[in-house]
Amino acid sequence: MTYVVTDNCIRCKYMDCVEVCPVDCFYEGENMLVIHPDECIDCGVCEPECPAEAIKPDTESGLDPWLKLNADYASKWPNITSKREAPADAKDFDGVEGKLEKYFSPEPGEGS
């Protein structure tokens, strides 16, 4: 098992999860984070820390596309190990439907 970041992270990009991860398995895109599935130790400490509830265990049904997206972009984006402020408009995008199609950016973030 591993944990995956799902669509509600897009344009919210809270970084509370990064701060608690004991193995630094988060990677930063321009407008979301992903978890490297081969680095995640399945401890679960990140899941309750996400204000947008965007982190899920991969055992939940329907998450295969998100597992693939996390794995693909974790190999392309820079590692992030320290929390920064969320975007100023993060709350406006929390819970918005269809964020992958409307807002996802494949561009890398700053990383740590």
PDB file of N, CA and C in Angstrom:
ATOM      1  N   MET A   1       0.839  -1.185   0.000  1.00  0.00           N
ATOM      2  CA  MET A   1       0.000   0.000   0.000  1.00  0.00           C
ATOM      3  C   MET A   1       0.881   1.244   0.000  1.00  0.00           C
ATOM      4  N   THR A   2       0.347   2.284  -0.579  1.00  0.00           N
ATOM      5  CA  THR A   2       0.975   3.593  -0.544  1.00  0.00           C
ATOM      6  C   THR A   2      -0.144   4.622  -0.462  1.00  0.00           C
ATOM      7  N   TYR A   3       0.208   5.836  -0.277  1.00  0.00           N
ATOM      8  CA  TYR A   3      -0.768   6.913  -0.296  1.00  0.00           C
ATOM      9  C   TYR A   3      -0.598   7.689  -1.585  1.00  0.00           C
ATOM     10  N   VAL A   4      -1.693   8.289  -2.065  1.00  0.00           N
ATOM     11  CA  VAL A   4      -1.656   9.060  -3.299  1.00  0.00           C
ATOM     12  C   VAL A   4      -2.327  10.411  -3.072  1.00  0.00           C
ATOM     13  N   VAL A   5      -1.848  11.386  -3.811  1.00  0.00           N
ATOM     14  CA  VAL A   5      -2.464  12.707  -3.796  1.00  0.00           C
ATOM     15  C   VAL A   5      -3.463  12.726  -4.945  1.00  0.00           C
ATOM     16  N   THR A   6      -4.664  13.194  -4.672  1.00  0.00           N
ATOM     17  CA  THR A   6      -5.731  13.203  -5.665  1.00  0.00           C
ATOM     18  C   THR A   6      -6.063  14.628  -6.118  1.00  0.00           C
ATOM     19  N   ASP A   7      -7.097  14.740  -6.940  1.00  0.00           N
ATOM     20  CA  ASP A   7      -7.399  16.002  -7.622  1.00  0.00           C
ATOM     21  C   ASP A   7      -7.703  17.190  -6.726  1.00  0.00           C
ATOM     22  N   ASN A   8      -8.158  16.969  -5.500  1.00  0.00           N
ATOM     23  CA  ASN A   8      -8.478  18.152  -4.699  1.00  0.00           C
ATOM     24  C   ASN A   8      -7.238  18.931  -4.273  1.00  0.00           C
ATOM     25  N   CYS A   9      -6.065  18.375  -4.485  1.00  0.00           N
ATOM     26  CA  CYS A   9      -4.827  19.119  -4.199  1.00  0.00           C
ATOM     27  C   CYS A   9      -4.577  20.200  -5.268  1.00  0.00           C
ATOM     28  N   ILE A  10      -5.074  19.949  -6.463  1.00  0.00           N
ATOM     29  CA  ILE A  10      -4.817  20.879  -7.572  1.00  0.00           C
ATOM     30  C   ILE A  10      -5.373  22.265  -7.230  1.00  0.00           C
ATOM     31  N   ARG A  11      -4.514  23.260  -7.326  1.00  0.00           N
ATOM     32  CA  ARG A  11      -4.796  24.665  -7.031  1.00  0.00           C
ATOM     33  C   ARG A  11      -5.018  24.944  -5.547  1.00  0.00           C
ATOM     34  N   CYS A  12      -5.027  23.902  -4.700  1.00  0.00           N
ATOM     35  CA  CYS A  12      -5.066  24.120  -3.248  1.00  0.00           C
ATOM     36  C   CYS A  12      -3.633  24.053  -2.729  1.00  0.00           C
ATOM     37  N   LYS A  13      -2.971  22.941  -3.011  1.00  0.00           N
ATOM     38  CA  LYS A  13      -1.552  22.757  -2.725  1.00  0.00           C
ATOM     39  C   LYS A  13      -1.151  23.208  -1.315  1.00  0.00           C
ATOM     40  N   TYR A  14      -1.937  22.741  -0.338  1.00  0.00           N
ATOM     41  CA  TYR A  14      -1.527  22.941   1.046  1.00  0.00           C
ATOM     42  C   TYR A  14      -0.297  22.058   1.267  1.00  0.00           C
ATOM     43  N   MET A  15       0.591  22.453   2.112  1.00  0.00           N
ATOM     44  CA  MET A  15       1.821  21.688   2.278  1.00  0.00           C
ATOM     45  C   MET A  15       2.001  21.136   3.683  1.00  0.00           C
ATOM     46  N   ASP A  16       0.905  21.029   4.420  1.00  0.00           N
ATOM     47  CA  ASP A  16       0.978  20.473   5.773  1.00  0.00           C
ATOM     48  C   ASP A  16       1.525  19.053   5.755  1.00  0.00           C
ATOM     49  N   CYS A  17       1.214  18.313   4.706  1.00  0.00           N
ATOM     50  CA  CYS A  17       1.654  16.925   4.558  1.00  0.00           C
ATOM     51  C   CYS A  17       3.175  16.815   4.461  1.00  0.00           C
ATOM     52  N   VAL A  18       3.768  17.757   3.784  1.00  0.00           N
ATOM     53  CA  VAL A  18       5.217  17.745   3.571  1.00  0.00           C
ATOM     54  C   VAL A  18       5.949  17.833   4.914  1.00  0.00           C
ATOM     55  N   GLU A  19       5.413  18.643   5.771  1.00  0.00           N
ATOM     56  CA  GLU A  19       6.043  18.901   7.066  1.00  0.00           C
ATOM     57  C   GLU A  19       6.103  17.657   7.961  1.00  0.00           C
ATOM     58  N   VAL A  20       5.131  16.757   7.823  1.00  0.00           N
ATOM     59  CA  VAL A  20       5.077  15.601   8.719  1.00  0.00           C
ATOM     60  C   VAL A  20       5.648  14.321   8.110  1.00  0.00           C
ATOM     61  N   CYS A  21       5.959  14.319   6.836  1.00  0.00           N
ATOM     62  CA  CYS A  21       6.430  13.103   6.167  1.00  0.00           C
ATOM     63  C   CYS A  21       7.821  12.712   6.680  1.00  0.00           C
ATOM     64  N   PRO A  22       7.958  11.512   7.257  1.00  0.00           N
ATOM     65  CA  PRO A  22       9.260  11.116   7.803  1.00  0.00           C
ATOM     66  C   PRO A  22      10.277  10.693   6.743  1.00  0.00           C
ATOM     67  N   VAL A  23       9.838  10.455   5.503  1.00  0.00           N
ATOM     68  CA  VAL A  23      10.764   9.975   4.469  1.00  0.00           C
ATOM     69  C   VAL A  23      10.874  10.922   3.271  1.00  0.00           C
ATOM     70  N   ASP A  24      10.286  12.097   3.374  1.00  0.00           N
ATOM     71  CA  ASP A  24      10.406  13.120   2.317  1.00  0.00           C
ATOM     72  C   ASP A  24      10.035  12.573   0.939  1.00  0.00           C
ATOM     73  N   CYS A  25       8.846  11.974   0.827  1.00  0.00           N
ATOM     74  CA  CYS A  25       8.435  11.364  -0.443  1.00  0.00           C
ATOM     75  C   CYS A  25       7.483  12.239  -1.256  1.00  0.00           C
ATOM     76  N   PHE A  26       7.391  13.537  -0.928  1.00  0.00           N
ATOM     77  CA  PHE A  26       6.538  14.453  -1.687  1.00  0.00           C
ATOM     78  C   PHE A  26       7.340  15.172  -2.760  1.00  0.00           C
ATOM     79  N   TYR A  27       6.688  15.377  -3.882  1.00  0.00           N
ATOM     80  CA  TYR A  27       7.299  16.069  -5.022  1.00  0.00           C
ATOM     81  C   TYR A  27       6.345  17.161  -5.453  1.00  0.00           C
ATOM     82  N   GLU A  28       6.928  18.295  -5.893  1.00  0.00           N
ATOM     83  CA  GLU A  28       6.129  19.494  -6.126  1.00  0.00           C
ATOM     84  C   GLU A  28       5.982  19.841  -7.597  1.00  0.00           C
ATOM     85  N   GLY A  29       4.729  19.944  -8.003  1.00  0.00           N
ATOM     86  CA  GLY A  29       4.403  20.485  -9.306  1.00  0.00           C
ATOM     87  C   GLY A  29       4.021  21.942  -9.167  1.00  0.00           C
ATOM     88  N   GLU A  30       3.759  22.580 -10.270  1.00  0.00           N
ATOM     89  CA  GLU A  30       3.391  23.996 -10.257  1.00  0.00           C
ATOM     90  C   GLU A  30       2.159  24.253  -9.401  1.00  0.00           C
ATOM     91  N   ASN A  31       1.157  23.343  -9.463  1.00  0.00           N
ATOM     92  CA  ASN A  31      -0.054  23.621  -8.690  1.00  0.00           C
ATOM     93  C   ASN A  31      -0.590  22.427  -7.898  1.00  0.00           C
ATOM     94  N   MET A  32       0.232  21.422  -7.679  1.00  0.00           N
ATOM     95  CA  MET A  32      -0.151  20.321  -6.793  1.00  0.00           C
ATOM     96  C   MET A  32       1.101  19.567  -6.339  1.00  0.00           C
ATOM     97  N   LEU A  33       0.900  18.682  -5.377  1.00  0.00           N
ATOM     98  CA  LEU A  33       1.959  17.805  -4.890  1.00  0.00           C
ATOM     99  C   LEU A  33       1.632  16.365  -5.279  1.00  0.00           C
ATOM    100  N   VAL A  34       2.643  15.516  -5.324  1.00  0.00           N
ATOM    101  CA  VAL A  34       2.434  14.079  -5.515  1.00  0.00           C
ATOM    102  C   VAL A  34       3.325  13.327  -4.543  1.00  0.00           C
ATOM    103  N   ILE A  35       2.989  12.052  -4.338  1.00  0.00           N
ATOM    104  CA  ILE A  35       3.758  11.161  -3.474  1.00  0.00           C
ATOM    105  C   ILE A  35       4.438  10.130  -4.356  1.00  0.00           C
ATOM    106  N   HIS A  36       5.737   9.917  -4.107  1.00  0.00           N
ATOM    107  CA  HIS A  36       6.455   8.877  -4.846  1.00  0.00           C
ATOM    108  C   HIS A  36       6.074   7.536  -4.216  1.00  0.00           C
ATOM    109  N   PRO A  37       5.374   6.664  -4.962  1.00  0.00           N
ATOM    110  CA  PRO A  37       4.884   5.418  -4.368  1.00  0.00           C
ATOM    111  C   PRO A  37       5.982   4.456  -3.920  1.00  0.00           C
ATOM    112  N   ASP A  38       7.152   4.533  -4.507  1.00  0.00           N
ATOM    113  CA  ASP A  38       8.238   3.642  -4.100  1.00  0.00           C
ATOM    114  C   ASP A  38       8.987   4.156  -2.877  1.00  0.00           C
ATOM    115  N   GLU A  39       8.752   5.391  -2.503  1.00  0.00           N
ATOM    116  CA  GLU A  39       9.414   5.977  -1.333  1.00  0.00           C
ATOM    117  C   GLU A  39       8.497   6.032  -0.117  1.00  0.00           C
ATOM    118  N   CYS A  40       7.191   6.058  -0.361  1.00  0.00           N
ATOM    119  CA  CYS A  40       6.212   6.125   0.726  1.00  0.00           C
ATOM    120  C   CYS A  40       6.299   4.857   1.564  1.00  0.00           C
ATOM    121  N   ILE A  41       6.347   5.023   2.884  1.00  0.00           N
ATOM    122  CA  ILE A  41       6.441   3.870   3.787  1.00  0.00           C
ATOM    123  C   ILE A  41       5.074   3.519   4.388  1.00  0.00           C
ATOM    124  N   ASP A  42       4.035   4.084   3.861  1.00  0.00           N
ATOM    125  CA  ASP A  42       2.661   3.755   4.255  1.00  0.00           C
ATOM    126  C   ASP A  42       2.353   4.063   5.714  1.00  0.00           C
ATOM    127  N   CYS A  43       3.015   5.057   6.262  1.00  0.00           N
ATOM    128  CA  CYS A  43       2.787   5.372   7.671  1.00  0.00           C
ATOM    129  C   CYS A  43       1.459   6.088   7.894  1.00  0.00           C
ATOM    130  N   GLY A  44       0.989   6.832   6.890  1.00  0.00           N
ATOM    131  CA  GLY A  44      -0.311   7.480   6.973  1.00  0.00           C
ATOM    132  C   GLY A  44      -0.361   8.797   7.717  1.00  0.00           C
ATOM    133  N   VAL A  45       0.769   9.305   8.179  1.00  0.00           N
ATOM    134  CA  VAL A  45       0.722  10.550   8.955  1.00  0.00           C
ATOM    135  C   VAL A  45       0.309  11.752   8.099  1.00  0.00           C
ATOM    136  N   CYS A  46       0.508  11.672   6.794  1.00  0.00           N
ATOM    137  CA  CYS A  46       0.170  12.786   5.918  1.00  0.00           C
ATOM    138  C   CYS A  46      -1.335  12.939   5.698  1.00  0.00           C
ATOM    139  N   GLU A  47      -2.043  11.819   5.666  1.00  0.00           N
ATOM    140  CA  GLU A  47      -3.467  11.846   5.309  1.00  0.00           C
ATOM    141  C   GLU A  47      -4.300  12.781   6.190  1.00  0.00           C
ATOM    142  N   PRO A  48      -4.240  12.679   7.522  1.00  0.00           N
ATOM    143  CA  PRO A  48      -5.062  13.572   8.341  1.00  0.00           C
ATOM    144  C   PRO A  48      -4.580  15.025   8.356  1.00  0.00           C
ATOM    145  N   GLU A  49      -3.357  15.270   7.895  1.00  0.00           N
ATOM    146  CA  GLU A  49      -2.813  16.627   7.898  1.00  0.00           C
ATOM    147  C   GLU A  49      -3.309  17.471   6.723  1.00  0.00           C
ATOM    148  N   CYS A  50      -3.854  16.847   5.688  1.00  0.00           N
ATOM    149  CA  CYS A  50      -4.260  17.566   4.481  1.00  0.00           C
ATOM    150  C   CYS A  50      -5.597  18.269   4.689  1.00  0.00           C
ATOM    151  N   PRO A  51      -5.608  19.605   4.705  1.00  0.00           N
ATOM    152  CA  PRO A  51      -6.862  20.341   4.899  1.00  0.00           C
ATOM    153  C   PRO A  51      -7.876  20.104   3.774  1.00  0.00           C
ATOM    154  N   ALA A  52      -7.391  19.747   2.590  1.00  0.00           N
ATOM    155  CA  ALA A  52      -8.283  19.525   1.443  1.00  0.00           C
ATOM    156  C   ALA A  52      -8.711  18.060   1.329  1.00  0.00           C
ATOM    157  N   GLU A  53      -8.241  17.214   2.246  1.00  0.00           N
ATOM    158  CA  GLU A  53      -8.553  15.782   2.209  1.00  0.00           C
ATOM    159  C   GLU A  53      -8.244  15.175   0.842  1.00  0.00           C
ATOM    160  N   ALA A  54      -7.098  15.561   0.283  1.00  0.00           N
ATOM    161  CA  ALA A  54      -6.691  15.118  -1.053  1.00  0.00           C
ATOM    162  C   ALA A  54      -5.781  13.898  -1.025  1.00  0.00           C
ATOM    163  N   ILE A  55      -5.382  13.446   0.158  1.00  0.00           N
ATOM    164  CA  ILE A  55      -4.493  12.293   0.257  1.00  0.00           C
ATOM    165  C   ILE A  55      -5.315  11.078   0.668  1.00  0.00           C
ATOM    166  N   LYS A  56      -5.166  10.005  -0.114  1.00  0.00           N
ATOM    167  CA  LYS A  56      -5.946   8.783   0.115  1.00  0.00           C
ATOM    168  C   LYS A  56      -5.030   7.558   0.052  1.00  0.00           C
ATOM    169  N   PRO A  57      -5.389   6.490   0.781  1.00  0.00           N
ATOM    170  CA  PRO A  57      -4.642   5.240   0.628  1.00  0.00           C
ATOM    171  C   PRO A  57      -4.993   4.622  -0.725  1.00  0.00           C
ATOM    172  N   ASP A  58      -4.023   4.025  -1.377  1.00  0.00           N
ATOM    173  CA  ASP A  58      -4.290   3.483  -2.711  1.00  0.00           C
ATOM    174  C   ASP A  58      -5.199   2.254  -2.690  1.00  0.00           C
ATOM    175  N   THR A  59      -5.579   1.821  -1.512  1.00  0.00           N
ATOM    176  CA  THR A  59      -6.509   0.699  -1.400  1.00  0.00           C
ATOM    177  C   THR A  59      -7.955   1.123  -1.657  1.00  0.00           C
ATOM    178  N   GLU A  60      -8.224   2.415  -1.655  1.00  0.00           N
ATOM    179  CA  GLU A  60      -9.577   2.889  -1.992  1.00  0.00           C
ATOM    180  C   GLU A  60      -9.827   2.641  -3.477  1.00  0.00           C
ATOM    181  N   SER A  61     -11.036   2.294  -3.809  1.00  0.00           N
ATOM    182  CA  SER A  61     -11.345   1.980  -5.209  1.00  0.00           C
ATOM    183  C   SER A  61     -11.293   3.230  -6.083  1.00  0.00           C
ATOM    184  N   GLY A  62     -10.906   3.022  -7.331  1.00  0.00           N
ATOM    185  CA  GLY A  62     -10.888   4.088  -8.314  1.00  0.00           C
ATOM    186  C   GLY A  62      -9.671   4.981  -8.312  1.00  0.00           C
ATOM    187  N   LEU A  63      -8.653   4.632  -7.546  1.00  0.00           N
ATOM    188  CA  LEU A  63      -7.488   5.505  -7.445  1.00  0.00           C
ATOM    189  C   LEU A  63      -6.329   5.103  -8.359  1.00  0.00           C
ATOM    190  N   ASP A  64      -6.493   4.076  -9.170  1.00  0.00           N
ATOM    191  CA  ASP A  64      -5.407   3.653 -10.062  1.00  0.00           C
ATOM    192  C   ASP A  64      -4.888   4.780 -10.950  1.00  0.00           C
ATOM    193  N   PRO A  65      -5.768   5.609 -11.548  1.00  0.00           N
ATOM    194  CA  PRO A  65      -5.239   6.718 -12.364  1.00  0.00           C
ATOM    195  C   PRO A  65      -4.403   7.703 -11.541  1.00  0.00           C
ATOM    196  N   TRP A  66      -4.767   7.892 -10.291  1.00  0.00           N
ATOM    197  CA  TRP A  66      -4.024   8.817  -9.430  1.00  0.00           C
ATOM    198  C   TRP A  66      -2.698   8.214  -9.001  1.00  0.00           C
ATOM    199  N   LEU A  67      -2.669   6.903  -8.793  1.00  0.00           N
ATOM    200  CA  LEU A  67      -1.412   6.236  -8.473  1.00  0.00           C
ATOM    201  C   LEU A  67      -0.433   6.399  -9.637  1.00  0.00           C
ATOM    202  N   LYS A  68      -0.927   6.241 -10.849  1.00  0.00           N
ATOM    203  CA  LYS A  68      -0.084   6.408 -12.029  1.00  0.00           C
ATOM    204  C   LYS A  68       0.393   7.851 -12.154  1.00  0.00           C
ATOM    205  N   LEU A  69      -0.506   8.821 -11.971  1.00  0.00           N
ATOM    206  CA  LEU A  69      -0.118  10.231 -12.057  1.00  0.00           C
ATOM    207  C   LEU A  69       0.936  10.558 -11.007  1.00  0.00           C
ATOM    208  N   ASN A  70       0.734  10.095  -9.764  1.00  0.00           N
ATOM    209  CA  ASN A  70       1.713  10.345  -8.701  1.00  0.00           C
ATOM    210  C   ASN A  70       3.068   9.760  -9.065  1.00  0.00           C
ATOM    211  N   ALA A  71       3.083   8.516  -9.531  1.00  0.00           N
ATOM    212  CA  ALA A  71       4.346   7.859  -9.888  1.00  0.00           C
ATOM    213  C   ALA A  71       5.033   8.578 -11.041  1.00  0.00           C
ATOM    214  N   ASP A  72       4.265   8.940 -12.068  1.00  0.00           N
ATOM    215  CA  ASP A  72       4.838   9.609 -13.243  1.00  0.00           C
ATOM    216  C   ASP A  72       5.473  10.952 -12.883  1.00  0.00           C
ATOM    217  N   TYR A  73       4.741  11.772 -12.151  1.00  0.00           N
ATOM    218  CA  TYR A  73       5.247  13.115 -11.871  1.00  0.00           C
ATOM    219  C   TYR A  73       6.258  13.157 -10.730  1.00  0.00           C
ATOM    220  N   ALA A  74       6.247  12.161  -9.846  1.00  0.00           N
ATOM    221  CA  ALA A  74       7.276  12.111  -8.799  1.00  0.00           C
ATOM    222  C   ALA A  74       8.655  11.914  -9.416  1.00  0.00           C
ATOM    223  N   SER A  75       8.691  11.309 -10.592  1.00  0.00           N
ATOM    224  CA  SER A  75       9.980  11.114 -11.256  1.00  0.00           C
ATOM    225  C   SER A  75      10.402  12.329 -12.081  1.00  0.00           C
ATOM    226  N   LYS A  76       9.512  13.300 -12.246  1.00  0.00           N
ATOM    227  CA  LYS A  76       9.802  14.481 -13.066  1.00  0.00           C
ATOM    228  C   LYS A  76       9.925  15.768 -12.248  1.00  0.00           C
ATOM    229  N   TRP A  77       9.225  15.828 -11.140  1.00  0.00           N
ATOM    230  CA  TRP A  77       9.171  17.054 -10.341  1.00  0.00           C
ATOM    231  C   TRP A  77      10.207  17.020  -9.219  1.00  0.00           C
ATOM    232  N   PRO A  78      10.582  18.206  -8.697  1.00  0.00           N
ATOM    233  CA  PRO A  78      11.557  18.249  -7.598  1.00  0.00           C
ATOM    234  C   PRO A  78      10.958  17.826  -6.258  1.00  0.00           C
ATOM    235  N   ASN A  79      11.801  17.244  -5.439  1.00  0.00           N
ATOM    236  CA  ASN A  79      11.423  16.846  -4.091  1.00  0.00           C
ATOM    237  C   ASN A  79      11.168  18.089  -3.253  1.00  0.00           C
ATOM    238  N   ILE A  80      10.183  17.995  -2.366  1.00  0.00           N
ATOM    239  CA  ILE A  80       9.913  19.097  -1.443  1.00  0.00           C
ATOM    240  C   ILE A  80       9.902  18.547  -0.025  1.00  0.00           C
ATOM    241  N   THR A  81      10.641  19.201   0.849  1.00  0.00           N
ATOM    242  CA  THR A  81      10.782  18.716   2.216  1.00  0.00           C
ATOM    243  C   THR A  81      10.396  19.741   3.269  1.00  0.00           C
ATOM    244  N   SER A  82      10.070  20.956   2.848  1.00  0.00           N
ATOM    245  CA  SER A  82       9.682  21.964   3.821  1.00  0.00           C
ATOM    246  C   SER A  82       8.391  22.656   3.383  1.00  0.00           C
ATOM    247  N   LYS A  83       7.573  22.930   4.363  1.00  0.00           N
ATOM    248  CA  LYS A  83       6.266  23.544   4.120  1.00  0.00           C
ATOM    249  C   LYS A  83       6.421  25.013   3.738  1.00  0.00           C
ATOM    250  N   ARG A  84       5.654  25.413   2.744  1.00  0.00           N
ATOM    251  CA  ARG A  84       5.517  26.825   2.388  1.00  0.00           C
ATOM    252  C   ARG A  84       4.036  27.178   2.448  1.00  0.00           C
ATOM    253  N   GLU A  85       3.741  28.431   2.267  1.00  0.00           N
ATOM    254  CA  GLU A  85       2.351  28.876   2.296  1.00  0.00           C
ATOM    255  C   GLU A  85       1.592  28.334   1.093  1.00  0.00           C
ATOM    256  N   ALA A  86       0.341  28.015   1.305  1.00  0.00           N
ATOM    257  CA  ALA A  86      -0.544  27.598   0.215  1.00  0.00           C
ATOM    258  C   ALA A  86      -0.855  28.814  -0.654  1.00  0.00           C
ATOM    259  N   PRO A  87      -1.306  28.595  -1.880  1.00  0.00           N
ATOM    260  CA  PRO A  87      -1.694  29.733  -2.719  1.00  0.00           C
ATOM    261  C   PRO A  87      -2.773  30.575  -2.024  1.00  0.00           C
ATOM    262  N   ALA A  88      -2.771  31.860  -2.281  1.00  0.00           N
ATOM    263  CA  ALA A  88      -3.711  32.773  -1.642  1.00  0.00           C
ATOM    264  C   ALA A  88      -5.171  32.400  -1.932  1.00  0.00           C
ATOM    265  N   ASP A  89      -5.424  31.817  -3.092  1.00  0.00           N
ATOM    266  CA  ASP A  89      -6.795  31.456  -3.459  1.00  0.00           C
ATOM    267  C   ASP A  89      -7.105  29.974  -3.238  1.00  0.00           C
ATOM    268  N   ALA A  90      -6.308  29.293  -2.432  1.00  0.00           N
ATOM    269  CA  ALA A  90      -6.476  27.850  -2.214  1.00  0.00           C
ATOM    270  C   ALA A  90      -7.888  27.493  -1.749  1.00  0.00           C
ATOM    271  N   LYS A  91      -8.433  28.239  -0.814  1.00  0.00           N
ATOM    272  CA  LYS A  91      -9.769  27.929  -0.286  1.00  0.00           C
ATOM    273  C   LYS A  91     -10.841  28.032  -1.365  1.00  0.00           C
ATOM    274  N   ASP A  92     -10.627  28.893  -2.343  1.00  0.00           N
ATOM    275  CA  ASP A  92     -11.600  29.043  -3.430  1.00  0.00           C
ATOM    276  C   ASP A  92     -11.670  27.790  -4.301  1.00  0.00           C
ATOM    277  N   PHE A  93     -10.608  27.005  -4.335  1.00  0.00           N
ATOM    278  CA  PHE A  93     -10.558  25.817  -5.186  1.00  0.00           C
ATOM    279  C   PHE A  93     -10.800  24.512  -4.428  1.00  0.00           C
ATOM    280  N   ASP A  94     -10.885  24.580  -3.112  1.00  0.00           N
ATOM    281  CA  ASP A  94     -11.126  23.384  -2.310  1.00  0.00           C
ATOM    282  C   ASP A  94     -12.522  22.843  -2.612  1.00  0.00           C
ATOM    283  N   GLY A  95     -12.583  21.611  -3.114  1.00  0.00           N
ATOM    284  CA  GLY A  95     -13.870  20.984  -3.407  1.00  0.00           C
ATOM    285  C   GLY A  95     -14.408  21.206  -4.805  1.00  0.00           C
ATOM    286  N   VAL A  96     -13.727  21.989  -5.620  1.00  0.00           N
ATOM    287  CA  VAL A  96     -14.170  22.242  -6.991  1.00  0.00           C
ATOM    288  C   VAL A  96     -14.067  20.942  -7.790  1.00  0.00           C
ATOM    289  N   GLU A  97     -15.079  20.636  -8.571  1.00  0.00           N
ATOM    290  CA  GLU A  97     -15.103  19.419  -9.382  1.00  0.00           C
ATOM    291  C   GLU A  97     -14.286  19.598 -10.665  1.00  0.00           C
ATOM    292  N   GLY A  98     -13.760  18.503 -11.176  1.00  0.00           N
ATOM    293  CA  GLY A  98     -13.083  18.505 -12.471  1.00  0.00           C
ATOM    294  C   GLY A  98     -11.787  19.271 -12.539  1.00  0.00           C
ATOM    295  N   LYS A  99     -11.068  19.328 -11.443  1.00  0.00           N
ATOM    296  CA  LYS A  99      -9.834  20.123 -11.431  1.00  0.00           C
ATOM    297  C   LYS A  99      -8.734  19.549 -12.308  1.00  0.00           C
ATOM    298  N   LEU A 100      -8.679  18.233 -12.466  1.00  0.00           N
ATOM    299  CA  LEU A 100      -7.634  17.643 -13.303  1.00  0.00           C
ATOM    300  C   LEU A 100      -7.750  18.164 -14.739  1.00  0.00           C
ATOM    301  N   GLU A 101      -8.940  18.130 -15.269  1.00  0.00           N
ATOM    302  CA  GLU A 101      -9.163  18.563 -16.649  1.00  0.00           C
ATOM    303  C   GLU A 101      -9.042  20.081 -16.818  1.00  0.00           C
ATOM    304  N   LYS A 102      -9.464  20.820 -15.818  1.00  0.00           N
ATOM    305  CA  LYS A 102      -9.500  22.282 -15.929  1.00  0.00           C
ATOM    306  C   LYS A 102      -8.196  22.979 -15.535  1.00  0.00           C
ATOM    307  N   TYR A 103      -7.511  22.470 -14.511  1.00  0.00           N
ATOM    308  CA  TYR A 103      -6.434  23.253 -13.908  1.00  0.00           C
ATOM    309  C   TYR A 103      -5.071  22.579 -13.773  1.00  0.00           C
ATOM    310  N   PHE A 104      -4.981  21.276 -13.967  1.00  0.00           N
ATOM    311  CA  PHE A 104      -3.717  20.580 -13.738  1.00  0.00           C
ATOM    312  C   PHE A 104      -2.608  21.134 -14.627  1.00  0.00           C
ATOM    313  N   SER A 105      -1.443  21.352 -14.026  1.00  0.00           N
ATOM    314  CA  SER A 105      -0.261  21.781 -14.779  1.00  0.00           C
ATOM    315  C   SER A 105       0.816  20.702 -14.645  1.00  0.00           C
ATOM    316  N   PRO A 106       1.383  20.255 -15.765  1.00  0.00           N
ATOM    317  CA  PRO A 106       2.472  19.285 -15.705  1.00  0.00           C
ATOM    318  C   PRO A 106       3.827  19.921 -15.379  1.00  0.00           C
ATOM    319  N   GLU A 107       3.854  21.225 -15.237  1.00  0.00           N
ATOM    320  CA  GLU A 107       5.105  21.943 -14.981  1.00  0.00           C
ATOM    321  C   GLU A 107       5.585  21.692 -13.555  1.00  0.00           C
ATOM    322  N   PRO A 108       6.892  21.633 -13.343  1.00  0.00           N
ATOM    323  CA  PRO A 108       7.423  21.416 -11.993  1.00  0.00           C
ATOM    324  C   PRO A 108       7.265  22.641 -11.105  1.00  0.00           C
ATOM    325  N   GLY A 109       7.277  22.392  -9.811  1.00  0.00           N
ATOM    326  CA  GLY A 109       7.275  23.472  -8.837  1.00  0.00           C
ATOM    327  C   GLY A 109       8.703  23.821  -8.465  1.00  0.00           C
ATOM    328  N   GLU A 110       8.854  24.564  -7.361  1.00  0.00           N
ATOM    329  CA  GLU A 110      10.177  25.027  -6.913  1.00  0.00           C
ATOM    330  C   GLU A 110      10.978  23.928  -6.216  1.00  0.00           C
ATOM    331  N   GLY A 111      10.298  23.057  -5.478  1.00  0.00           N
ATOM    332  CA  GLY A 111      10.994  22.073  -4.662  1.00  0.00           C
ATOM    333  C   GLY A 111      11.689  22.731  -3.484  1.00  0.00           C
ATOM    334  N   SER A 112      12.439  21.960  -2.734  1.00  0.00           N
ATOM    335  CA  SER A 112      13.141  22.508  -1.559  1.00  0.00           C
ATOM    336  C   SER A 112      14.598  22.744  -1.878  1.00  0.00           C
TER     337      SER A 112
END
